[in-house]
Amino acid sequence: MEASLAHENRVVLDLVQAALGLITREMRAISVRTEPGRIILYIAVHERSAQIQEDIDDLVFERATPPGTGRSLRPVRATRS
């Protein structure tokens, strides 16, 4: 259990670092859920725009290659209107 919490804390820290400079007024919330073998990001926005989508893509790209792991994660996109 403690290793799982440490992993989740590391994921959250990595996400915060990746999100620096990307959080704008339109982004209302970012949440993360970890599961074995994958990380799920939930991003709530006030209004979707090309700039918001670009910021989300940048965040996913930054998170897709965790520092020091030497491996890439496969981003999966699910959107809801």
C-alpha atoms as a PDB file:
ATOM      1  CA  MET A   1       0.000   0.000   0.000  1.00  0.00           C
ATOM      2  CA  GLU A   2       2.808   2.420   0.862  1.00  0.00           C
ATOM      3  CA  ALA A   3       4.539   1.772  -2.491  1.00  0.00           C
ATOM      4  CA  SER A   4       1.249   2.482  -4.259  1.00  0.00           C
ATOM      5  CA  LEU A   5       0.859   5.791  -2.429  1.00  0.00           C
ATOM      6  CA  ALA A   6       4.452   6.741  -3.215  1.00  0.00           C
ATOM      7  CA  HIS A   7       3.817   5.956  -6.907  1.00  0.00           C
ATOM      8  CA  GLU A   8       0.635   8.038  -6.921  1.00  0.00           C
ATOM      9  CA  ASN A   9       2.413  10.942  -5.222  1.00  0.00           C
ATOM     10  CA  ARG A  10       5.192  10.762  -7.843  1.00  0.00           C
ATOM     11  CA  VAL A  11       2.624  10.802 -10.660  1.00  0.00           C
ATOM     12  CA  VAL A  12       0.891  13.852  -9.175  1.00  0.00           C
ATOM     13  CA  LEU A  13       4.212  15.676  -8.753  1.00  0.00           C
ATOM     14  CA  ASP A  14       5.177  14.884 -12.372  1.00  0.00           C
ATOM     15  CA  LEU A  15       1.770  16.123 -13.537  1.00  0.00           C
ATOM     16  CA  VAL A  16       2.105  19.397 -11.623  1.00  0.00           C
ATOM     17  CA  GLN A  17       5.548  19.981 -13.121  1.00  0.00           C
ATOM     18  CA  ALA A  18       4.289  19.189 -16.645  1.00  0.00           C
ATOM     19  CA  ALA A  19       1.313  21.535 -16.165  1.00  0.00           C
ATOM     20  CA  LEU A  20       3.392  24.559 -15.154  1.00  0.00           C
ATOM     21  CA  GLY A  21       2.637  27.328 -17.616  1.00  0.00           C
ATOM     22  CA  LEU A  22      -0.263  25.433 -19.186  1.00  0.00           C
ATOM     23  CA  ILE A  23      -2.912  26.183 -16.593  1.00  0.00           C
ATOM     24  CA  THR A  24      -5.068  29.039 -17.819  1.00  0.00           C
ATOM     25  CA  ARG A  25      -8.285  30.693 -16.698  1.00  0.00           C
ATOM     26  CA  GLU A  26     -10.262  28.286 -18.913  1.00  0.00           C
ATOM     27  CA  MET A  27      -8.869  25.186 -17.150  1.00  0.00           C
ATOM     28  CA  ARG A  28     -11.089  24.562 -14.139  1.00  0.00           C
ATOM     29  CA  ALA A  29      -9.622  21.349 -12.727  1.00  0.00           C
ATOM     30  CA  ILE A  30      -7.101  18.604 -13.374  1.00  0.00           C
ATOM     31  CA  SER A  31      -7.439  15.254 -11.667  1.00  0.00           C
ATOM     32  CA  VAL A  32      -5.375  12.098 -11.925  1.00  0.00           C
ATOM     33  CA  ARG A  33      -6.175   8.447 -11.267  1.00  0.00           C
ATOM     34  CA  THR A  34      -3.547   5.741 -11.299  1.00  0.00           C
ATOM     35  CA  GLU A  35      -4.235   2.147 -12.236  1.00  0.00           C
ATOM     36  CA  PRO A  36      -1.781  -0.676 -12.836  1.00  0.00           C
ATOM     37  CA  GLY A  37      -0.068   0.106 -16.123  1.00  0.00           C
ATOM     38  CA  ARG A  38      -1.850   3.375 -16.833  1.00  0.00           C
ATOM     39  CA  ILE A  39      -2.513   6.906 -15.682  1.00  0.00           C
ATOM     40  CA  ILE A  40      -5.851   8.589 -16.337  1.00  0.00           C
ATOM     41  CA  LEU A  41      -6.094  12.377 -16.500  1.00  0.00           C
ATOM     42  CA  TYR A  42      -9.390  14.211 -16.147  1.00  0.00           C
ATOM     43  CA  ILE A  43      -9.305  17.810 -17.304  1.00  0.00           C
ATOM     44  CA  ALA A  44     -12.308  20.096 -16.852  1.00  0.00           C
ATOM     45  CA  VAL A  45     -12.414  23.260 -18.943  1.00  0.00           C
ATOM     46  CA  HIS A  46     -14.788  26.213 -19.019  1.00  0.00           C
ATOM     47  CA  GLU A  47     -14.856  26.366 -22.797  1.00  0.00           C
ATOM     48  CA  ARG A  48     -13.104  24.213 -25.388  1.00  0.00           C
ATOM     49  CA  SER A  49     -10.887  26.009 -27.864  1.00  0.00           C
ATOM     50  CA  ALA A  50      -7.954  25.248 -30.130  1.00  0.00           C
ATOM     51  CA  GLN A  51      -5.593  26.736 -27.529  1.00  0.00           C
ATOM     52  CA  ILE A  52      -7.030  24.606 -24.724  1.00  0.00           C
ATOM     53  CA  GLN A  53      -6.731  21.481 -26.883  1.00  0.00           C
ATOM     54  CA  GLU A  54      -3.113  22.359 -27.668  1.00  0.00           C
ATOM     55  CA  ASP A  55      -2.384  22.825 -23.953  1.00  0.00           C
ATOM     56  CA  ILE A  56      -3.976  19.454 -23.162  1.00  0.00           C
ATOM     57  CA  ASP A  57      -1.986  17.793 -25.952  1.00  0.00           C
ATOM     58  CA  ASP A  58       1.202  19.339 -24.537  1.00  0.00           C
ATOM     59  CA  LEU A  59       0.350  18.083 -21.062  1.00  0.00           C
ATOM     60  CA  VAL A  60      -0.312  14.557 -22.343  1.00  0.00           C
ATOM     61  CA  PHE A  61       2.932  14.638 -24.354  1.00  0.00           C
ATOM     62  CA  GLU A  62       4.924  15.781 -21.309  1.00  0.00           C
ATOM     63  CA  ARG A  63       3.331  13.040 -19.213  1.00  0.00           C
ATOM     64  CA  ALA A  64       3.699  10.351 -21.916  1.00  0.00           C
ATOM     65  CA  THR A  65       7.434   9.991 -21.293  1.00  0.00           C
ATOM     66  CA  PRO A  66       8.022   9.963 -17.550  1.00  0.00           C
ATOM     67  CA  PRO A  67      11.494  11.295 -16.694  1.00  0.00           C
ATOM     68  CA  GLY A  68      14.083   8.663 -15.888  1.00  0.00           C
ATOM     69  CA  THR A  69      11.992   5.691 -17.023  1.00  0.00           C
ATOM     70  CA  GLY A  70      13.302   5.297 -20.561  1.00  0.00           C
ATOM     71  CA  ARG A  71       9.840   4.248 -21.708  1.00  0.00           C
ATOM     72  CA  SER A  72       6.857   5.912 -23.265  1.00  0.00           C
ATOM     73  CA  LEU A  73       3.238   5.602 -22.270  1.00  0.00           C
ATOM     74  CA  ARG A  74       0.526   5.338 -24.897  1.00  0.00           C
ATOM     75  CA  PRO A  75      -1.869   8.276 -24.626  1.00  0.00           C
ATOM     76  CA  VAL A  76      -5.542   7.392 -24.972  1.00  0.00           C
ATOM     77  CA  ARG A  77      -7.955  10.220 -25.645  1.00  0.00           C
ATOM     78  CA  ALA A  78     -11.569  10.233 -24.584  1.00  0.00           C
ATOM     79  CA  THR A  79     -13.550  13.424 -25.007  1.00  0.00           C
ATOM     80  CA  ARG A  80     -17.026  14.358 -23.983  1.00  0.00           C
ATOM     81  CA  SER A  81     -18.976  17.380 -25.183  1.00  0.00           C
END
